[in-house]
């Protein structure tokens, strides 16, 4: 439960595929580190409906690509947010005296 809470907290409780949706679930990408999961490596946050979609895709031949897609999607959205925060901080620093 703590790992799930950490995963959701780090991503501001938003779905990693569609960040406009609130995340309620932490989806395991694999179970090798069960009990010691780390966000991105082992679990990603998903909305309950998206979790159902991901579960259905896992039963198809696309399963190997799904984990890669979820990780990249998660990292891409985090990257956008980090860049946006960095840009705002830089703008404030450059325009503070103006």
Protein backbone atom coordinates (compact mmCIF):
# COMPACT_ATOMS: atom_id res chain seq x y z
CA UNK A 1 0.00 0.00 0.00
CA UNK A 2 2.87 2.39 0.76
CA UNK A 3 4.48 1.79 -2.63
CA UNK A 4 1.15 2.43 -4.34
CA UNK A 5 0.71 5.66 -2.37
CA UNK A 6 4.26 6.74 -3.29
CA UNK A 7 3.63 5.98 -6.95
CA UNK A 8 0.41 7.99 -6.96
CA UNK A 9 1.98 10.86 -4.98
CA UNK A 10 4.97 11.16 -7.32
CA UNK A 11 2.67 11.47 -10.30
CA UNK A 12 0.20 13.81 -8.56
CA UNK A 13 -2.48 11.08 -8.68
CA UNK A 14 -2.76 11.19 -12.48
CA UNK A 15 -2.87 8.44 -15.05
CA UNK A 16 0.45 7.89 -16.84
CA UNK A 17 -1.20 7.31 -20.24
CA UNK A 18 -3.84 10.07 -20.07
CA UNK A 19 -2.74 12.51 -17.36
CA UNK A 20 -6.08 14.31 -17.44
CA UNK A 21 -7.59 11.26 -15.72
CA UNK A 22 -7.10 10.74 -11.99
CA UNK A 23 -5.10 7.64 -11.11
CA UNK A 24 -6.56 5.23 -8.58
CA UNK A 25 -4.48 2.13 -9.28
CA UNK A 26 -0.80 1.30 -9.42
CA UNK A 27 -0.24 -1.26 -12.18
CA UNK A 28 2.57 -3.78 -11.80
CA UNK A 29 4.71 -3.99 -14.92
CA UNK A 30 6.14 -7.23 -13.54
CA UNK A 31 6.24 -9.03 -10.19
CA UNK A 32 9.99 -9.64 -9.81
CA UNK A 33 10.35 -7.00 -7.09
CA UNK A 34 7.06 -7.62 -5.31
CA UNK A 35 7.19 -5.80 -1.99
CA UNK A 36 10.06 -3.57 -3.15
CA UNK A 37 8.49 -1.89 -6.17
CA UNK A 38 9.83 1.36 -7.54
CA UNK A 39 7.82 3.75 -9.70
CA UNK A 40 8.59 3.49 -13.45
CA UNK A 41 10.73 0.36 -12.98
CA UNK A 42 8.01 -1.80 -11.43
CA UNK A 43 4.72 0.12 -11.15
CA UNK A 44 2.93 2.96 -12.91
CA UNK A 45 -0.22 4.89 -11.91
CA UNK A 46 -3.38 4.20 -13.91
CA UNK A 47 -7.02 5.27 -13.89
CA UNK A 48 -9.34 2.34 -13.07
CA UNK A 49 -10.75 2.19 -16.64
CA UNK A 50 -7.28 2.46 -18.18
CA UNK A 51 -6.19 -0.34 -15.86
CA UNK A 52 -8.91 -2.52 -17.43
CA UNK A 53 -7.69 -1.59 -20.93
CA UNK A 54 -4.09 -2.39 -20.01
CA UNK A 55 -5.22 -5.73 -18.56
CA UNK A 56 -6.99 -6.58 -21.81
CA UNK A 57 -3.95 -5.61 -23.92
CA UNK A 58 -1.75 -7.86 -21.77
CA UNK A 59 -3.72 -10.85 -23.11
CA UNK A 60 -2.74 -10.00 -26.71
CA UNK A 61 0.53 -10.35 -28.65
CA UNK A 62 1.17 -6.64 -27.92
CA UNK A 63 2.11 -7.47 -24.33
CA UNK A 64 5.90 -7.00 -24.80
CA UNK A 65 5.37 -3.50 -26.21
CA UNK A 66 2.90 -2.52 -23.51
CA UNK A 67 5.47 -2.34 -20.70
CA UNK A 68 7.80 -0.25 -22.83
CA UNK A 69 4.94 2.06 -23.80
CA UNK A 70 3.80 2.52 -20.18
CA UNK A 71 7.32 3.34 -19.00
CA UNK A 72 7.98 5.78 -21.83
CA UNK A 73 4.60 7.43 -21.39
CA UNK A 74 5.23 7.85 -17.67
CA UNK A 75 8.69 9.32 -18.23
CA UNK A 76 7.51 11.60 -21.04
CA UNK A 77 4.76 13.19 -18.96
CA UNK A 78 7.10 13.60 -15.98
CA UNK A 79 9.64 15.20 -18.34
CA UNK A 80 7.08 17.68 -19.61
CA UNK A 81 6.16 18.68 -16.08
CA UNK A 82 9.78 19.02 -14.97
CA UNK A 83 10.54 21.16 -18.04
CA UNK A 84 7.47 23.34 -17.43
CA UNK A 85 8.47 23.96 -13.82
CA UNK A 86 12.06 24.69 -14.87
CA UNK A 87 10.85 27.14 -17.53
CA UNK A 88 8.62 29.00 -15.06
CA UNK A 89 11.44 29.25 -12.52
CA UNK A 90 13.80 30.57 -15.19
CA UNK A 91 11.21 33.10 -16.37
CA UNK A 92 10.65 34.34 -12.82
CA UNK A 93 14.40 34.66 -12.23
CA UNK A 94 14.94 36.58 -15.49
CA UNK A 95 11.94 38.92 -15.01
CA UNK A 96 12.19 39.53 -11.29
CA UNK A 97 13.85 42.92 -11.62
CA UNK A 98 11.91 44.10 -14.67
